[in-house]
Amino acid sequence: MDFDQLLVRFFNTTEIQDLPPEQVAAGVDRLRLQFGLEKDSGRRFALWCLMFMLGIAPDIDEAFEDPEDRDAARDFMEAAEEEMDAEDEGDPA
């Protein structure tokens, strides 16, 4: 799943920073609902990644039963945080 496609799916825009708080809240509700209903592990992982990037991801141990999925989520977290740290320091990763 493409990040921008997910943003459009749940928030109807790729520019969520421009949305009023009630529209952001509605998109977050839709995203959380879909995450809870999703059975496909790949799609579930993609939804979790989006939630992580938005700062609303559930705890990894609660979100994923499969140890490989938990490890992948931890790897994603570390890579995303390294990327954000590099951007904060003005050093492209």
C-alpha atoms as a PDB file:
ATOM      1  CA  MET A   1       0.000   0.000   0.000  1.00  0.00           C
ATOM      2  CA  ASP A   2       1.237   3.452  -0.903  1.00  0.00           C
ATOM      3  CA  PHE A   3       1.439   6.028   1.906  1.00  0.00           C
ATOM      4  CA  ASP A   4      -0.303   8.743  -0.117  1.00  0.00           C
ATOM      5  CA  GLN A   5      -3.069   6.336  -1.141  1.00  0.00           C
ATOM      6  CA  LEU A   6      -3.659   5.490   2.511  1.00  0.00           C
ATOM      7  CA  LEU A   7      -3.841   9.157   3.433  1.00  0.00           C
ATOM      8  CA  VAL A   8      -6.407   9.787   0.717  1.00  0.00           C
ATOM      9  CA  ARG A   9      -8.367   6.680   1.708  1.00  0.00           C
ATOM     10  CA  PHE A  10      -8.731   7.686   5.342  1.00  0.00           C
ATOM     11  CA  PHE A  11      -8.408  11.487   5.250  1.00  0.00           C
ATOM     12  CA  ASN A  12      -9.476  12.319   1.658  1.00  0.00           C
ATOM     13  CA  THR A  13      -6.229  14.255   1.134  1.00  0.00           C
ATOM     14  CA  THR A  14      -2.474  13.828   1.297  1.00  0.00           C
ATOM     15  CA  GLU A  15      -2.192  17.146   3.147  1.00  0.00           C
ATOM     16  CA  ILE A  16      -3.642  16.217   6.526  1.00  0.00           C
ATOM     17  CA  GLN A  17      -1.839  19.110   8.206  1.00  0.00           C
ATOM     18  CA  ASP A  18      -4.329  21.408   6.437  1.00  0.00           C
ATOM     19  CA  LEU A  19      -7.425  19.630   7.777  1.00  0.00           C
ATOM     20  CA  PRO A  20      -9.552  20.926  10.628  1.00  0.00           C
ATOM     21  CA  PRO A  21      -9.230  18.865  13.829  1.00  0.00           C
ATOM     22  CA  GLU A  22     -12.641  17.208  13.434  1.00  0.00           C
ATOM     23  CA  GLN A  23     -11.706  15.841   9.999  1.00  0.00           C
ATOM     24  CA  VAL A  24      -8.405  14.535  11.333  1.00  0.00           C
ATOM     25  CA  ALA A  25     -10.255  12.855  14.204  1.00  0.00           C
ATOM     26  CA  ALA A  26     -12.729  11.258  11.771  1.00  0.00           C
ATOM     27  CA  GLY A  27      -9.869   9.934   9.620  1.00  0.00           C
ATOM     28  CA  VAL A  28      -8.094   8.557  12.677  1.00  0.00           C
ATOM     29  CA  ASP A  29     -11.304   6.788  13.714  1.00  0.00           C
ATOM     30  CA  ARG A  30     -11.650   5.229  10.239  1.00  0.00           C
ATOM     31  CA  LEU A  31      -8.006   4.161  10.273  1.00  0.00           C
ATOM     32  CA  ARG A  32      -8.247   2.567  13.722  1.00  0.00           C
ATOM     33  CA  LEU A  33     -11.446   0.768  12.761  1.00  0.00           C
ATOM     34  CA  GLN A  34      -9.915  -0.617   9.576  1.00  0.00           C
ATOM     35  CA  PHE A  35      -6.796  -1.701  11.460  1.00  0.00           C
ATOM     36  CA  GLY A  36      -8.936  -3.614  13.935  1.00  0.00           C
ATOM     37  CA  LEU A  37     -10.891  -5.325  11.162  1.00  0.00           C
ATOM     38  CA  GLU A  38      -8.008  -6.077   8.793  1.00  0.00           C
ATOM     39  CA  LYS A  39      -7.057  -9.760   8.542  1.00  0.00           C
ATOM     40  CA  ASP A  40      -4.378  -9.579   5.833  1.00  0.00           C
ATOM     41  CA  SER A  41      -1.023  -9.257   7.605  1.00  0.00           C
ATOM     42  CA  GLY A  42       0.552  -7.121   4.870  1.00  0.00           C
ATOM     43  CA  ARG A  43      -2.281  -4.622   4.814  1.00  0.00           C
ATOM     44  CA  ARG A  44      -2.450  -4.642   8.598  1.00  0.00           C
ATOM     45  CA  PHE A  45       1.271  -3.845   8.706  1.00  0.00           C
ATOM     46  CA  ALA A  46       0.829  -0.974   6.227  1.00  0.00           C
ATOM     47  CA  LEU A  47      -1.983   0.469   8.345  1.00  0.00           C
ATOM     48  CA  TRP A  48       0.140   0.172  11.477  1.00  0.00           C
ATOM     49  CA  CYS A  49       3.009   1.990   9.710  1.00  0.00           C
ATOM     50  CA  LEU A  50       0.692   4.855   8.798  1.00  0.00           C
ATOM     51  CA  MET A  51      -0.566   4.951  12.368  1.00  0.00           C
ATOM     52  CA  PHE A  52       3.027   5.041  13.614  1.00  0.00           C
ATOM     53  CA  MET A  53       3.870   7.946  11.323  1.00  0.00           C
ATOM     54  CA  LEU A  54       0.825   9.797  12.666  1.00  0.00           C
ATOM     55  CA  GLY A  55       1.770   9.049  16.282  1.00  0.00           C
ATOM     56  CA  ILE A  56      -1.308   6.906  16.983  1.00  0.00           C
ATOM     57  CA  ALA A  57      -0.008   3.353  16.563  1.00  0.00           C
ATOM     58  CA  PRO A  58      -0.937   0.755  19.147  1.00  0.00           C
ATOM     59  CA  ASP A  59       1.826  -1.029  21.017  1.00  0.00           C
ATOM     60  CA  ILE A  60       3.607  -3.539  18.784  1.00  0.00           C
ATOM     61  CA  ASP A  61       3.019  -6.468  21.137  1.00  0.00           C
ATOM     62  CA  GLU A  62      -0.709  -5.727  21.156  1.00  0.00           C
ATOM     63  CA  ALA A  63      -0.935  -4.998  17.427  1.00  0.00           C
ATOM     64  CA  PHE A  64       0.785  -8.119  16.090  1.00  0.00           C
ATOM     65  CA  GLU A  65       0.483 -11.734  17.164  1.00  0.00           C
ATOM     66  CA  ASP A  66       3.181 -13.012  14.806  1.00  0.00           C
ATOM     67  CA  PRO A  67       6.748 -12.500  16.092  1.00  0.00           C
ATOM     68  CA  GLU A  68       7.978 -11.784  12.539  1.00  0.00           C
ATOM     69  CA  ASP A  69       5.394  -9.003  12.177  1.00  0.00           C
ATOM     70  CA  ARG A  70       6.499  -7.540  15.518  1.00  0.00           C
ATOM     71  CA  ASP A  71      10.139  -7.638  14.403  1.00  0.00           C
ATOM     72  CA  ALA A  72       9.240  -5.974  11.092  1.00  0.00           C
ATOM     73  CA  ALA A  73       7.345  -3.253  12.970  1.00  0.00           C
ATOM     74  CA  ARG A  74      10.322  -2.641  15.256  1.00  0.00           C
ATOM     75  CA  ASP A  75      12.611  -2.447  12.220  1.00  0.00           C
ATOM     76  CA  PHE A  76      10.248   0.054  10.599  1.00  0.00           C
ATOM     77  CA  MET A  77      10.147   2.132  13.783  1.00  0.00           C
ATOM     78  CA  GLU A  78      13.923   2.248  14.014  1.00  0.00           C
ATOM     79  CA  ALA A  79      14.340   3.139  10.332  1.00  0.00           C
ATOM     80  CA  ALA A  80      11.677   5.853  10.505  1.00  0.00           C
ATOM     81  CA  GLU A  81      13.181   7.342  13.655  1.00  0.00           C
ATOM     82  CA  GLU A  82      16.677   7.318  12.131  1.00  0.00           C
ATOM     83  CA  GLU A  83      15.292   9.080   9.048  1.00  0.00           C
ATOM     84  CA  MET A  84      13.549  11.717  11.188  1.00  0.00           C
ATOM     85  CA  ASP A  85      16.689  12.230  13.288  1.00  0.00           C
ATOM     86  CA  ALA A  86      18.782  12.670  10.132  1.00  0.00           C
ATOM     87  CA  GLU A  87      16.298  15.223   8.781  1.00  0.00           C
ATOM     88  CA  ASP A  88      16.360  17.104  12.095  1.00  0.00           C
ATOM     89  CA  GLU A  89      20.143  17.293  11.872  1.00  0.00           C
ATOM     90  CA  GLY A  90      19.992  18.430   8.239  1.00  0.00           C
ATOM     91  CA  ASP A  91      21.773  15.273   7.112  1.00  0.00           C
ATOM     92  CA  PRO A  92      19.887  13.356   4.413  1.00  0.00           C
ATOM     93  CA  ALA A  93      19.738   9.644   5.204  1.00  0.00           C
END
